[in-house]
Amino acid sequence: MEKIRSIQYFFERNGFAVSSRLAELLGMKVKSVRLFFIYASFTTLVGGFIIYLTLAFWLKLKDMIYTKRSSVFDL
């Protein structure tokens, strides 16, 4: 049980204060660093979705343009 407590203490001491440590290192406010991480995560999520929709549209457009059309004489 003591081993689990020491692992928990290690992660609480070193892992949960990332934004405050980074803010101290950069000389910024902690609130600004946290807002940057929040905005960056939303931008990454939305940006990936927009890229996905753009590529899907291009592939659909390519399929519509380059489809092999049957000749009039094949009827």
PDB file of N, CA and C in Angstrom:
ATOM      1  N   MET A   1       0.816  -1.191   0.000  1.00  0.00           N
ATOM      2  CA  MET A   1       0.000   0.000   0.000  1.00  0.00           C
ATOM      3  C   MET A   1       0.863   1.259   0.000  1.00  0.00           C
ATOM      4  N   GLU A   2       2.000   1.170   0.672  1.00  0.00           N
ATOM      5  CA  GLU A   2       2.903   2.322   0.720  1.00  0.00           C
ATOM      6  C   GLU A   2       3.485   2.624  -0.657  1.00  0.00           C
ATOM      7  N   LYS A   3       3.699   1.596  -1.467  1.00  0.00           N
ATOM      8  CA  LYS A   3       4.237   1.778  -2.820  1.00  0.00           C
ATOM      9  C   LYS A   3       3.253   2.564  -3.692  1.00  0.00           C
ATOM     10  N   ILE A   4       1.981   2.251  -3.553  1.00  0.00           N
ATOM     11  CA  ILE A   4       0.960   2.955  -4.324  1.00  0.00           C
ATOM     12  C   ILE A   4       0.897   4.423  -3.902  1.00  0.00           C
ATOM     13  N   ARG A   5       0.991   4.679  -2.595  1.00  0.00           N
ATOM     14  CA  ARG A   5       0.981   6.060  -2.104  1.00  0.00           C
ATOM     15  C   ARG A   5       2.177   6.850  -2.615  1.00  0.00           C
ATOM     16  N   SER A   6       3.341   6.195  -2.684  1.00  0.00           N
ATOM     17  CA  SER A   6       4.527   6.904  -3.171  1.00  0.00           C
ATOM     18  C   SER A   6       4.417   7.207  -4.659  1.00  0.00           C
ATOM     19  N   ILE A   7       3.844   6.290  -5.432  1.00  0.00           N
ATOM     20  CA  ILE A   7       3.626   6.540  -6.870  1.00  0.00           C
ATOM     21  C   ILE A   7       2.614   7.664  -7.051  1.00  0.00           C
ATOM     22  N   GLN A   8       1.544   7.654  -6.258  1.00  0.00           N
ATOM     23  CA  GLN A   8       0.537   8.708  -6.330  1.00  0.00           C
ATOM     24  C   GLN A   8       1.152  10.060  -5.968  1.00  0.00           C
ATOM     25  N   TYR A   9       1.941  10.085  -4.931  1.00  0.00           N
ATOM     26  CA  TYR A   9       2.582  11.328  -4.516  1.00  0.00           C
ATOM     27  C   TYR A   9       3.533  11.847  -5.595  1.00  0.00           C
ATOM     28  N   PHE A  10       4.267  10.943  -6.241  1.00  0.00           N
ATOM     29  CA  PHE A  10       5.189  11.336  -7.305  1.00  0.00           C
ATOM     30  C   PHE A  10       4.445  12.014  -8.455  1.00  0.00           C
ATOM     31  N   PHE A  11       3.337  11.402  -8.894  1.00  0.00           N
ATOM     32  CA  PHE A  11       2.591  11.988 -10.003  1.00  0.00           C
ATOM     33  C   PHE A  11       1.885  13.281  -9.609  1.00  0.00           C
ATOM     34  N   GLU A  12       1.407  13.362  -8.370  1.00  0.00           N
ATOM     35  CA  GLU A  12       0.789  14.601  -7.929  1.00  0.00           C
ATOM     36  C   GLU A  12       1.815  15.727  -7.851  1.00  0.00           C
ATOM     37  N   ARG A  13       3.016  15.399  -7.411  1.00  0.00           N
ATOM     38  CA  ARG A  13       4.048  16.417  -7.258  1.00  0.00           C
ATOM     39  C   ARG A  13       4.600  16.848  -8.609  1.00  0.00           C
ATOM     40  N   ASN A  14       4.801  15.917  -9.528  1.00  0.00           N
ATOM     41  CA  ASN A  14       5.471  16.215 -10.787  1.00  0.00           C
ATOM     42  C   ASN A  14       4.552  16.370 -11.988  1.00  0.00           C
ATOM     43  N   GLY A  15       3.367  15.828 -11.953  1.00  0.00           N
ATOM     44  CA  GLY A  15       2.530  15.816 -13.138  1.00  0.00           C
ATOM     45  C   GLY A  15       1.399  16.805 -13.181  1.00  0.00           C
ATOM     46  N   PHE A  16       0.846  17.138 -12.031  1.00  0.00           N
ATOM     47  CA  PHE A  16      -0.364  17.942 -12.021  1.00  0.00           C
ATOM     48  C   PHE A  16      -0.102  19.438 -12.021  1.00  0.00           C
ATOM     49  N   ALA A  17       1.113  19.848 -11.893  1.00  0.00           N
ATOM     50  CA  ALA A  17       1.424  21.277 -11.851  1.00  0.00           C
ATOM     51  C   ALA A  17       2.137  21.723 -13.119  1.00  0.00           C
ATOM     52  N   VAL A  18       1.759  21.130 -14.239  1.00  0.00           N
ATOM     53  CA  VAL A  18       2.448  21.412 -15.501  1.00  0.00           C
ATOM     54  C   VAL A  18       2.265  22.867 -15.906  1.00  0.00           C
ATOM     55  N   SER A  19       1.040  23.347 -15.892  1.00  0.00           N
ATOM     56  CA  SER A  19       0.820  24.721 -16.353  1.00  0.00           C
ATOM     57  C   SER A  19       1.430  25.749 -15.406  1.00  0.00           C
ATOM     58  N   SER A  20       1.407  25.491 -14.114  1.00  0.00           N
ATOM     59  CA  SER A  20       2.019  26.451 -13.189  1.00  0.00           C
ATOM     60  C   SER A  20       3.540  26.454 -13.319  1.00  0.00           C
ATOM     61  N   ARG A  21       4.130  25.274 -13.503  1.00  0.00           N
ATOM     62  CA  ARG A  21       5.587  25.224 -13.706  1.00  0.00           C
ATOM     63  C   ARG A  21       5.989  25.894 -15.015  1.00  0.00           C
ATOM     64  N   LEU A  22       5.218  25.653 -16.059  1.00  0.00           N
ATOM     65  CA  LEU A  22       5.514  26.268 -17.351  1.00  0.00           C
ATOM     66  C   LEU A  22       5.351  27.782 -17.281  1.00  0.00           C
ATOM     67  N   ALA A  23       4.332  28.234 -16.563  1.00  0.00           N
ATOM     68  CA  ALA A  23       4.128  29.674 -16.399  1.00  0.00           C
ATOM     69  C   ALA A  23       5.277  30.305 -15.626  1.00  0.00           C
ATOM     70  N   GLU A  24       5.760  29.621 -14.588  1.00  0.00           N
ATOM     71  CA  GLU A  24       6.918  30.135 -13.849  1.00  0.00           C
ATOM     72  C   GLU A  24       8.152  30.203 -14.733  1.00  0.00           C
ATOM     73  N   LEU A  25       8.343  29.179 -15.537  1.00  0.00           N
ATOM     74  CA  LEU A  25       9.511  29.128 -16.416  1.00  0.00           C
ATOM     75  C   LEU A  25       9.477  30.246 -17.458  1.00  0.00           C
ATOM     76  N   LEU A  26       8.300  30.523 -18.006  1.00  0.00           N
ATOM     77  CA  LEU A  26       8.164  31.540 -19.045  1.00  0.00           C
ATOM     78  C   LEU A  26       7.905  32.938 -18.498  1.00  0.00           C
ATOM     79  N   GLY A  27       7.613  33.041 -17.213  1.00  0.00           N
ATOM     80  CA  GLY A  27       7.332  34.341 -16.620  1.00  0.00           C
ATOM     81  C   GLY A  27       5.974  34.885 -17.010  1.00  0.00           C
ATOM     82  N   MET A  28       4.993  34.001 -17.133  1.00  0.00           N
ATOM     83  CA  MET A  28       3.645  34.391 -17.522  1.00  0.00           C
ATOM     84  C   MET A  28       2.672  34.067 -16.393  1.00  0.00           C
ATOM     85  N   LYS A  29       1.412  34.479 -16.577  1.00  0.00           N
ATOM     86  CA  LYS A  29       0.364  34.105 -15.634  1.00  0.00           C
ATOM     87  C   LYS A  29      -0.090  32.679 -15.932  1.00  0.00           C
ATOM     88  N   VAL A  30      -0.462  31.969 -14.888  1.00  0.00           N
ATOM     89  CA  VAL A  30      -0.923  30.586 -15.045  1.00  0.00           C
ATOM     90  C   VAL A  30      -2.210  30.548 -15.864  1.00  0.00           C
ATOM     91  N   LYS A  31      -3.062  31.544 -15.672  1.00  0.00           N
ATOM     92  CA  LYS A  31      -4.331  31.602 -16.405  1.00  0.00           C
ATOM     93  C   LYS A  31      -4.088  31.677 -17.912  1.00  0.00           C
ATOM     94  N   SER A  32      -3.081  32.436 -18.331  1.00  0.00           N
ATOM     95  CA  SER A  32      -2.780  32.560 -19.761  1.00  0.00           C
ATOM     96  C   SER A  32      -2.291  31.235 -20.344  1.00  0.00           C
ATOM     97  N   VAL A  33      -1.481  30.519 -19.598  1.00  0.00           N
ATOM     98  CA  VAL A  33      -0.977  29.230 -20.079  1.00  0.00           C
ATOM     99  C   VAL A  33      -2.114  28.229 -20.196  1.00  0.00           C
ATOM    100  N   ARG A  34      -3.001  28.207 -19.213  1.00  0.00           N
ATOM    101  CA  ARG A  34      -4.138  27.282 -19.263  1.00  0.00           C
ATOM    102  C   ARG A  34      -5.068  27.618 -20.425  1.00  0.00           C
ATOM    103  N   LEU A  35      -5.323  28.901 -20.640  1.00  0.00           N
ATOM    104  CA  LEU A  35      -6.157  29.294 -21.780  1.00  0.00           C
ATOM    105  C   LEU A  35      -5.514  28.915 -23.108  1.00  0.00           C
ATOM    106  N   PHE A  36      -4.184  29.037 -23.195  1.00  0.00           N
ATOM    107  CA  PHE A  36      -3.499  28.619 -24.416  1.00  0.00           C
ATOM    108  C   PHE A  36      -3.709  27.135 -24.679  1.00  0.00           C
ATOM    109  N   PHE A  37      -3.590  26.289 -23.653  1.00  0.00           N
ATOM    110  CA  PHE A  37      -3.792  24.858 -23.835  1.00  0.00           C
ATOM    111  C   PHE A  37      -5.227  24.544 -24.238  1.00  0.00           C
ATOM    112  N   ILE A  38      -6.187  25.257 -23.668  1.00  0.00           N
ATOM    113  CA  ILE A  38      -7.588  25.035 -24.029  1.00  0.00           C
ATOM    114  C   ILE A  38      -7.842  25.440 -25.477  1.00  0.00           C
ATOM    115  N   TYR A  39      -7.366  26.617 -25.865  1.00  0.00           N
ATOM    116  CA  TYR A  39      -7.553  27.076 -27.246  1.00  0.00           C
ATOM    117  C   TYR A  39      -6.822  26.182 -28.242  1.00  0.00           C
ATOM    118  N   ALA A  40      -5.634  25.736 -27.886  1.00  0.00           N
ATOM    119  CA  ALA A  40      -4.877  24.861 -28.784  1.00  0.00           C
ATOM    120  C   ALA A  40      -5.583  23.523 -28.979  1.00  0.00           C
ATOM    121  N   SER A  41      -6.176  22.985 -27.927  1.00  0.00           N
ATOM    122  CA  SER A  41      -6.882  21.711 -28.073  1.00  0.00           C
ATOM    123  C   SER A  41      -8.122  21.857 -28.943  1.00  0.00           C
ATOM    124  N   PHE A  42      -8.889  22.943 -28.764  1.00  0.00           N
ATOM    125  CA  PHE A  42     -10.063  23.155 -29.617  1.00  0.00           C
ATOM    126  C   PHE A  42      -9.665  23.414 -31.062  1.00  0.00           C
ATOM    127  N   THR A  43      -8.594  24.170 -31.267  1.00  0.00           N
ATOM    128  CA  THR A  43      -8.136  24.453 -32.628  1.00  0.00           C
ATOM    129  C   THR A  43      -7.699  23.177 -33.325  1.00  0.00           C
ATOM    130  N   THR A  44      -7.003  22.319 -32.610  1.00  0.00           N
ATOM    131  CA  THR A  44      -6.557  21.053 -33.190  1.00  0.00           C
ATOM    132  C   THR A  44      -7.743  20.176 -33.563  1.00  0.00           C
ATOM    133  N   LEU A  45      -8.718  20.113 -32.682  1.00  0.00           N
ATOM    134  CA  LEU A  45      -9.896  19.292 -32.945  1.00  0.00           C
ATOM    135  C   LEU A  45     -10.681  19.817 -34.142  1.00  0.00           C
ATOM    136  N   VAL A  46     -10.958  21.102 -34.158  1.00  0.00           N
ATOM    137  CA  VAL A  46     -11.743  21.699 -35.243  1.00  0.00           C
ATOM    138  C   VAL A  46     -10.949  21.686 -36.551  1.00  0.00           C
ATOM    139  N   GLY A  47      -9.645  21.973 -36.473  1.00  0.00           N
ATOM    140  CA  GLY A  47      -8.811  21.979 -37.677  1.00  0.00           C
ATOM    141  C   GLY A  47      -8.754  20.613 -38.346  1.00  0.00           C
ATOM    142  N   GLY A  48      -8.631  19.565 -37.561  1.00  0.00           N
ATOM    143  CA  GLY A  48      -8.632  18.207 -38.118  1.00  0.00           C
ATOM    144  C   GLY A  48      -9.941  17.862 -38.784  1.00  0.00           C
ATOM    145  N   PHE A  49     -11.030  18.284 -38.186  1.00  0.00           N
ATOM    146  CA  PHE A  49     -12.346  18.012 -38.768  1.00  0.00           C
ATOM    147  C   PHE A  49     -12.535  18.765 -40.080  1.00  0.00           C
ATOM    148  N   ILE A  50     -12.070  20.000 -40.138  1.00  0.00           N
ATOM    149  CA  ILE A  50     -12.180  20.785 -41.369  1.00  0.00           C
ATOM    150  C   ILE A  50     -11.330  20.176 -42.478  1.00  0.00           C
ATOM    151  N   ILE A  51     -10.126  19.732 -42.151  1.00  0.00           N
ATOM    152  CA  ILE A  51      -9.270  19.075 -43.149  1.00  0.00           C
ATOM    153  C   ILE A  51      -9.929  17.800 -43.652  1.00  0.00           C
ATOM    154  N   TYR A  52     -10.533  17.021 -42.737  1.00  0.00           N
ATOM    155  CA  TYR A  52     -11.224  15.800 -43.134  1.00  0.00           C
ATOM    156  C   TYR A  52     -12.369  16.101 -44.097  1.00  0.00           C
ATOM    157  N   LEU A  53     -13.178  17.108 -43.797  1.00  0.00           N
ATOM    158  CA  LEU A  53     -14.299  17.444 -44.674  1.00  0.00           C
ATOM    159  C   LEU A  53     -13.826  17.950 -46.033  1.00  0.00           C
ATOM    160  N   THR A  54     -12.734  18.723 -46.043  1.00  0.00           N
ATOM    161  CA  THR A  54     -12.193  19.226 -47.300  1.00  0.00           C
ATOM    162  C   THR A  54     -11.699  18.078 -48.181  1.00  0.00           C
ATOM    163  N   LEU A  55     -10.964  17.144 -47.587  1.00  0.00           N
ATOM    164  CA  LEU A  55     -10.474  16.002 -48.367  1.00  0.00           C
ATOM    165  C   LEU A  55     -11.617  15.122 -48.859  1.00  0.00           C
ATOM    166  N   ALA A  56     -12.630  14.932 -48.040  1.00  0.00           N
ATOM    167  CA  ALA A  56     -13.787  14.146 -48.477  1.00  0.00           C
ATOM    168  C   ALA A  56     -14.500  14.823 -49.637  1.00  0.00           C
ATOM    169  N   PHE A  57     -14.613  16.139 -49.584  1.00  0.00           N
ATOM    170  CA  PHE A  57     -15.248  16.878 -50.686  1.00  0.00           C
ATOM    171  C   PHE A  57     -14.432  16.750 -51.963  1.00  0.00           C
ATOM    172  N   TRP A  58     -13.096  16.880 -51.859  1.00  0.00           N
ATOM    173  CA  TRP A  58     -12.247  16.759 -53.048  1.00  0.00           C
ATOM    174  C   TRP A  58     -12.340  15.369 -53.660  1.00  0.00           C
ATOM    175  N   LEU A  59     -12.361  14.341 -52.830  1.00  0.00           N
ATOM    176  CA  LEU A  59     -12.465  12.981 -53.365  1.00  0.00           C
ATOM    177  C   LEU A  59     -13.817  12.771 -54.042  1.00  0.00           C
ATOM    178  N   LYS A  60     -14.866  13.281 -53.456  1.00  0.00           N
ATOM    179  CA  LYS A  60     -16.188  13.154 -54.080  1.00  0.00           C
ATOM    180  C   LYS A  60     -16.242  13.912 -55.402  1.00  0.00           C
ATOM    181  N   LEU A  61     -15.650  15.107 -55.430  1.00  0.00           N
ATOM    182  CA  LEU A  61     -15.602  15.897 -56.654  1.00  0.00           C
ATOM    183  C   LEU A  61     -14.776  15.188 -57.722  1.00  0.00           C
ATOM    184  N   LYS A  62     -13.650  14.612 -57.334  1.00  0.00           N
ATOM    185  CA  LYS A  62     -12.811  13.875 -58.279  1.00  0.00           C
ATOM    186  C   LYS A  62     -13.573  12.692 -58.864  1.00  0.00           C
ATOM    187  N   ASP A  63     -14.314  11.979 -58.030  1.00  0.00           N
ATOM    188  CA  ASP A  63     -15.097  10.846 -58.524  1.00  0.00           C
ATOM    189  C   ASP A  63     -16.195  11.289 -59.474  1.00  0.00           C
ATOM    190  N   MET A  64     -16.766  12.445 -59.239  1.00  0.00           N
ATOM    191  CA  MET A  64     -17.818  12.945 -60.125  1.00  0.00           C
ATOM    192  C   MET A  64     -17.248  13.393 -61.464  1.00  0.00           C
ATOM    193  N   ILE A  65     -16.043  13.945 -61.476  1.00  0.00           N
ATOM    194  CA  ILE A  65     -15.454  14.463 -62.710  1.00  0.00           C
ATOM    195  C   ILE A  65     -14.830  13.350 -63.542  1.00  0.00           C
ATOM    196  N   TYR A  66     -14.091  12.457 -62.896  1.00  0.00           N
ATOM    197  CA  TYR A  66     -13.316  11.468 -63.633  1.00  0.00           C
ATOM    198  C   TYR A  66     -13.996  10.110 -63.761  1.00  0.00           C
ATOM    199  N   THR A  67     -15.284  10.029 -63.585  1.00  0.00           N
ATOM    200  CA  THR A  67     -15.966   8.758 -63.780  1.00  0.00           C
ATOM    201  C   THR A  67     -15.957   8.386 -65.251  1.00  0.00           C
ATOM    202  N   LYS A  68     -15.822   7.107 -65.500  1.00  0.00           N
ATOM    203  CA  LYS A  68     -15.796   6.658 -66.889  1.00  0.00           C
ATOM    204  C   LYS A  68     -17.228   6.678 -67.417  1.00  0.00           C
ATOM    205  N   ARG A  69     -17.393   7.500 -68.401  1.00  0.00           N
ATOM    206  CA  ARG A  69     -18.742   7.638 -68.966  1.00  0.00           C
ATOM    207  C   ARG A  69     -18.886   6.653 -70.132  1.00  0.00           C
ATOM    208  N   SER A  70     -20.040   6.075 -70.217  1.00  0.00           N
ATOM    209  CA  SER A  70     -20.273   5.153 -71.335  1.00  0.00           C
ATOM    210  C   SER A  70     -20.514   5.982 -72.612  1.00  0.00           C
ATOM    211  N   SER A  71     -20.135   5.428 -73.680  1.00  0.00           N
ATOM    212  CA  SER A  71     -20.271   6.120 -74.969  1.00  0.00           C
ATOM    213  C   SER A  71     -21.736   6.105 -75.396  1.00  0.00           C
ATOM    214  N   VAL A  72     -22.038   7.062 -76.193  1.00  0.00           N
ATOM    215  CA  VAL A  72     -23.390   7.123 -76.749  1.00  0.00           C
ATOM    216  C   VAL A  72     -23.641   5.922 -77.647  1.00  0.00           C
ATOM    217  N   PHE A  73     -22.610   5.430 -78.271  1.00  0.00           N
ATOM    218  CA  PHE A  73     -22.758   4.317 -79.226  1.00  0.00           C
ATOM    219  C   PHE A  73     -22.898   2.973 -78.529  1.00  0.00           C
ATOM    220  N   ASP A  74     -22.667   2.932 -77.180  1.00  0.00           N
ATOM    221  CA  ASP A  74     -22.813   1.666 -76.441  1.00  0.00           C
ATOM    222  C   ASP A  74     -24.274   1.366 -76.096  1.00  0.00           C
ATOM    223  N   LEU A  75     -25.151   2.290 -76.328  1.00  0.00           N
ATOM    224  CA  LEU A  75     -26.568   2.065 -75.983  1.00  0.00           C
ATOM    225  C   LEU A  75     -27.177   1.115 -76.891  1.00  0.00           C
TER     226      LEU A  75
END
